Protein backbone atom coordinates (compact mmCIF):
# COMPACT_ATOMS: atom_id res chain seq x y z
CA UNK A 1 4.24 -39.00 138.15
CA UNK A 2 1.49 -37.07 139.71
CA UNK A 3 3.20 -33.87 140.53
CA UNK A 4 4.48 -33.44 136.41
CA UNK A 5 1.73 -31.22 134.40
CA UNK A 6 1.94 -31.26 130.58
CA UNK A 7 3.48 -28.09 129.49
CA UNK A 8 1.49 -26.38 126.52
CA UNK A 9 2.55 -24.60 123.97
CA UNK A 10 6.27 -25.39 124.63
CA UNK A 11 5.49 -29.54 124.99
CA UNK A 12 7.54 -31.00 122.45
CA UNK A 13 4.29 -32.89 121.19
CA UNK A 14 2.29 -30.33 120.12
CA UNK A 15 4.11 -30.16 116.64
CA UNK A 16 4.30 -26.78 114.89
CA UNK A 17 3.49 -24.80 118.07
CA UNK A 18 5.84 -22.07 119.26
CA UNK A 19 8.97 -22.48 119.07
CA UNK A 20 11.35 -25.50 118.07
CA UNK A 21 12.24 -28.54 120.09
CA UNK A 22 15.58 -27.70 119.70
CA UNK A 23 14.48 -24.23 121.41
CA UNK A 24 12.26 -25.88 124.34
CA UNK A 25 11.94 -24.18 127.90
CA UNK A 26 13.99 -26.00 130.59
CA UNK A 27 10.54 -27.36 132.05
CA UNK A 28 9.87 -28.82 128.09
CA UNK A 29 13.31 -30.76 128.57
CA UNK A 30 12.42 -31.86 131.68
CA UNK A 31 9.21 -33.28 130.62
CA UNK A 32 10.82 -35.18 127.59
CA UNK A 33 13.25 -36.47 129.83
CA UNK A 34 10.57 -37.90 132.61
CA UNK A 35 8.77 -39.19 129.23
CA UNK A 36 11.48 -41.24 128.47
CA UNK A 37 12.80 -42.58 131.32
CA UNK A 38 9.08 -43.78 132.17
CA UNK A 39 9.08 -45.28 128.44
CA UNK A 40 12.67 -46.87 129.41
CA UNK A 41 11.35 -48.33 133.08
CA UNK A 42 8.76 -50.27 131.33
CA UNK A 43 11.58 -52.29 128.75
CA UNK A 44 13.16 -55.47 129.71
CA UNK A 45 16.97 -55.08 129.90
CA UNK A 46 18.19 -56.60 126.27
CA UNK A 47 20.02 -59.33 128.09
CA UNK A 48 16.82 -60.60 129.92
CA UNK A 49 14.56 -60.15 127.07
CA UNK A 50 16.42 -62.89 124.93
CA UNK A 51 15.91 -65.38 127.79
CA UNK A 52 12.39 -65.87 126.52
CA UNK A 53 10.89 -66.68 123.06
CA UNK A 54 7.73 -66.06 121.77
CA UNK A 55 5.43 -69.21 122.13
CA UNK A 56 7.69 -70.64 125.19
CA UNK A 57 5.73 -72.23 127.89
CA UNK A 58 6.57 -70.44 131.64
CA UNK A 59 5.41 -72.31 134.65
CA UNK A 60 3.99 -70.18 137.78
CA UNK A 61 3.72 -72.48 140.74
CA UNK A 62 4.03 -71.94 144.41
CA UNK A 63 1.47 -71.54 147.76
CA UNK A 64 -0.86 -69.55 148.95
CA UNK A 65 -0.13 -68.61 152.89
CA UNK A 66 -1.80 -66.48 155.72
CA UNK A 67 -0.16 -64.26 157.83
CA UNK A 68 0.75 -67.34 160.15
CA UNK A 69 2.16 -69.51 157.24
CA UNK A 70 -0.34 -71.63 156.87
CA UNK A 71 -1.60 -73.16 153.96
CA UNK A 72 -5.24 -71.39 152.63
CA UNK A 73 -7.13 -74.05 150.29
CA UNK A 74 -9.54 -72.85 147.30
CA UNK A 75 -8.69 -69.47 146.33
CA UNK A 76 -8.50 -68.68 142.79
CA UNK A 77 -5.01 -67.26 141.75
CA UNK A 78 -4.84 -65.25 138.69
CA UNK A 79 -1.58 -64.59 136.81
CA UNK A 80 -2.77 -60.85 135.37
CA UNK A 81 -0.21 -59.96 132.30
CA UNK A 82 -0.61 -56.63 130.82
CA UNK A 83 0.95 -54.22 128.39
CA UNK A 84 1.66 -50.62 129.77
CA UNK A 85 3.02 -48.00 127.77
CA UNK A 86 3.65 -44.42 127.89
CA UNK A 87 0.22 -42.47 126.20
CA UNK A 88 1.99 -39.37 125.17
CA UNK A 89 -1.65 -37.58 124.65
CA UNK A 90 -1.95 -38.09 128.77
CA UNK A 91 1.42 -38.02 129.54
CA UNK A 92 1.10 -40.89 131.93
CA UNK A 93 1.69 -44.91 131.68
CA UNK A 94 -1.36 -46.68 130.88
CA UNK A 95 -2.92 -50.22 130.58
CA UNK A 96 -3.36 -51.00 126.79
CA UNK A 97 -4.09 -54.95 126.55
CA UNK A 98 -4.38 -57.91 129.21
CA UNK A 99 -4.57 -61.69 129.34
CA UNK A 100 -5.53 -63.91 132.12
CA UNK A 101 -4.33 -67.47 133.40
CA UNK A 102 -5.93 -68.91 136.44
CA UNK A 103 -6.22 -71.73 138.46
CA UNK A 104 -7.18 -72.64 142.38
CA UNK A 105 -5.13 -73.50 145.00
CA UNK A 106 -5.29 -77.29 146.04
CA UNK A 107 -5.46 -79.10 149.48
CA UNK A 108 -2.01 -78.09 150.49
CA UNK A 109 -2.46 -74.58 149.10
CA UNK A 110 -0.26 -74.82 146.29
CA UNK A 111 -1.03 -73.60 142.78
CA UNK A 112 0.30 -74.06 139.09
CA UNK A 113 -0.18 -71.75 136.10
CA UNK A 114 1.29 -72.48 132.55
CA UNK A 115 1.56 -69.14 130.73
CA UNK A 116 2.39 -69.18 127.10
CA UNK A 117 4.89 -65.93 126.59
CA UNK A 118 4.51 -63.32 124.13
CA UNK A 119 6.48 -60.29 124.63
CA UNK A 120 4.06 -57.72 124.17
CA UNK A 121 3.09 -58.54 128.08
CA UNK A 122 5.78 -56.27 130.18
CA UNK A 123 4.07 -56.52 133.45
CA UNK A 124 2.93 -59.83 135.49
CA UNK A 125 0.71 -59.63 138.85
CA UNK A 126 -0.12 -62.58 140.71
CA UNK A 127 -3.13 -62.47 142.63
CA UNK A 128 -5.57 -63.86 144.81
CA UNK A 129 -9.13 -63.97 144.87
CA UNK A 130 -12.51 -64.73 146.06
CA UNK A 131 -15.85 -64.15 144.73
CA UNK A 132 -18.11 -61.95 146.41
CA UNK A 133 -21.12 -62.39 143.97
CA UNK A 134 -22.12 -65.93 142.05
CA UNK A 135 -19.24 -68.10 140.91
CA UNK A 136 -18.78 -67.25 137.53
CA UNK A 137 -19.14 -63.77 137.58
CA UNK A 138 -15.34 -62.31 136.64
CA UNK A 139 -16.76 -58.87 137.65
CA UNK A 140 -17.30 -59.64 141.55
CA UNK A 141 -14.04 -60.55 142.96
CA UNK A 142 -12.18 -59.62 146.68
CA UNK A 143 -8.71 -59.38 146.31
CA UNK A 144 -6.98 -61.02 149.12
CA UNK A 145 -3.55 -60.61 147.87
CA UNK A 146 -1.01 -59.29 144.91
CA UNK A 147 2.77 -59.69 144.21
CA UNK A 148 4.51 -58.40 141.60
CA UNK A 149 6.19 -61.31 139.36
CA UNK A 150 7.38 -58.83 136.90
CA UNK A 151 11.06 -59.47 136.75
CA UNK A 152 11.12 -63.20 137.60
CA UNK A 153 8.55 -63.94 134.50
CA UNK A 154 11.60 -62.64 132.09
CA UNK A 155 14.10 -65.08 134.44
CA UNK A 156 14.13 -68.85 135.29
CA UNK A 157 11.49 -71.46 134.90
CA UNK A 158 9.81 -72.58 136.60
CA UNK A 159 8.79 -69.04 138.28
CA UNK A 160 8.25 -69.86 141.96
CA UNK A 161 6.23 -67.69 144.06
CA UNK A 162 4.69 -67.41 147.58
CA UNK A 163 1.26 -65.20 147.95
CA UNK A 164 0.60 -64.28 151.37
CA UNK A 165 -2.64 -63.38 152.43
CA UNK A 166 -3.21 -61.07 155.62
CA UNK A 167 -6.74 -61.23 156.27
CA UNK A 168 -8.25 -64.46 155.44
CA UNK A 169 -11.41 -64.25 157.39
CA UNK A 170 -13.05 -63.59 154.05
CA UNK A 171 -11.90 -67.05 153.09
CA UNK A 172 -13.27 -68.53 155.95
CA UNK A 173 -16.54 -67.30 156.06
CA UNK A 174 -16.91 -68.22 152.46
CA UNK A 175 -15.65 -72.06 153.24
CA UNK A 176 -17.96 -72.19 156.32
CA UNK A 177 -20.93 -71.24 153.97
CA UNK A 178 -19.90 -73.59 151.52
CA UNK A 179 -20.02 -76.56 154.06
CA UNK A 180 -23.42 -76.20 154.59
CA UNK A 181 -24.57 -75.75 151.11
CA UNK A 182 -25.52 -79.64 151.10
CA UNK A 183 -29.02 -79.52 148.65
CA UNK A 184 -29.84 -79.16 145.05
CA UNK A 185 -31.73 -76.18 145.84
CA UNK A 186 -29.55 -74.49 147.87
CA UNK A 187 -26.62 -75.04 145.34
CA UNK A 188 -28.38 -73.54 142.45
CA UNK A 189 -29.37 -70.34 144.41
CA UNK A 190 -25.70 -69.73 144.74
CA UNK A 191 -24.89 -70.26 141.61
CA UNK A 192 -27.07 -67.29 140.42
CA UNK A 193 -26.63 -64.98 143.34
CA UNK A 194 -23.03 -65.92 145.62
CA UNK A 195 -22.82 -65.70 149.47
CA UNK A 196 -25.84 -63.95 150.98
CA UNK A 197 -24.80 -61.04 153.08
CA UNK A 198 -26.81 -62.97 156.15
CA UNK A 199 -28.42 -66.45 156.58
CA UNK A 200 -31.06 -67.04 158.96
CA UNK A 201 -32.05 -69.93 160.46
CA UNK A 202 -36.08 -70.04 162.42
CA UNK A 203 -36.70 -73.57 163.98
CA UNK A 204 -40.74 -73.55 163.33
CA UNK A 205 -42.91 -76.17 165.05
CA UNK A 206 -43.20 -78.13 161.61
CA UNK A 207 -39.55 -77.70 159.85
CA UNK A 208 -36.75 -75.21 160.05
CA UNK A 209 -36.79 -72.26 157.57
CA UNK A 210 -33.63 -71.00 156.20
CA UNK A 211 -33.27 -67.81 155.03
CA UNK A 212 -30.88 -66.06 152.75
CA UNK A 213 -30.46 -62.33 152.52
CA UNK A 214 -29.11 -60.09 149.67
CA UNK A 215 -29.35 -56.94 150.92
CA UNK A 216 -27.76 -54.74 148.00
CA UNK A 217 -29.98 -56.70 145.73
CA UNK A 218 -33.42 -56.95 147.51
CA UNK A 219 -34.05 -60.14 147.67
CA UNK A 220 -34.36 -63.09 150.02
CA UNK A 221 -34.74 -66.61 149.34
CA UNK A 222 -36.34 -68.89 151.87
CA UNK A 223 -35.92 -72.53 152.05
CA UNK A 224 -37.88 -75.24 154.20
CA UNK A 225 -35.62 -78.30 155.05
CA UNK A 226 -33.06 -77.03 152.43
CA UNK A 227 -35.85 -77.14 149.57
CA UNK A 228 -36.90 -73.28 148.11
CA UNK A 229 -39.84 -72.07 149.31
CA UNK A 230 -39.72 -68.56 148.01
CA UNK A 231 -37.93 -65.85 146.82
CA UNK A 232 -39.41 -62.24 148.37
CA UNK A 233 -38.07 -58.76 147.06
CA UNK A 234 -37.49 -55.74 149.24
CA UNK A 235 -35.85 -52.40 148.71
CA UNK A 236 -32.55 -52.66 148.43
CA UNK A 237 -30.86 -51.22 151.46
CA UNK A 238 -26.65 -51.24 152.26
CA UNK A 239 -26.73 -52.16 155.72
CA UNK A 240 -27.63 -55.31 157.77
CA UNK A 241 -31.17 -54.16 159.04
CA UNK A 242 -30.20 -56.00 162.34
């Protein structure tokens, strides 16, 4: 409701200021009705709410596919439950709490997530992601696709969903990179830094040098036949110097 501005003295939440609520202006009445409508929109219908009990196990299952319907393997699928409520202070719906359950797609692109029901959560999003930084970092993720499961989560069990990824290039790029990470030093560097911005191979008379460039971090890892040779630092940059 971006077009709705919060009234000043006439607003019903400004207790003791101006006229009483029963003599409020049309603007105040409209704002109050909008607020009530927004709160009501967050609440499930009574019949739906009775279908779930606290502690009930809800299975969310399905598959992740690309735009052509091909299975996407090895992506993280997260079920994000959040509590959204109307804030009278900010006069908008705000997120007040969240919980995440996750898994990875298998060789057929399928996934299954177990969710323990609690009525506190009233919004559910199914999200496919891959890491853009170190694999263990939850702060550096690329979102590939999302679907709203709020209504389905309040109904049958299991909850079946298909999540489509329109652009699978980031997944293919990560998969191709991981396919050639085959030494302990390379795996350790990936765990520490994530997928590099650029990989270069230089064939020298005595060996092959592979360099992993992390432009924004200002680091380059150099490997000699797969073994870490050095880690150099430079002024961080945002674009490939080539």
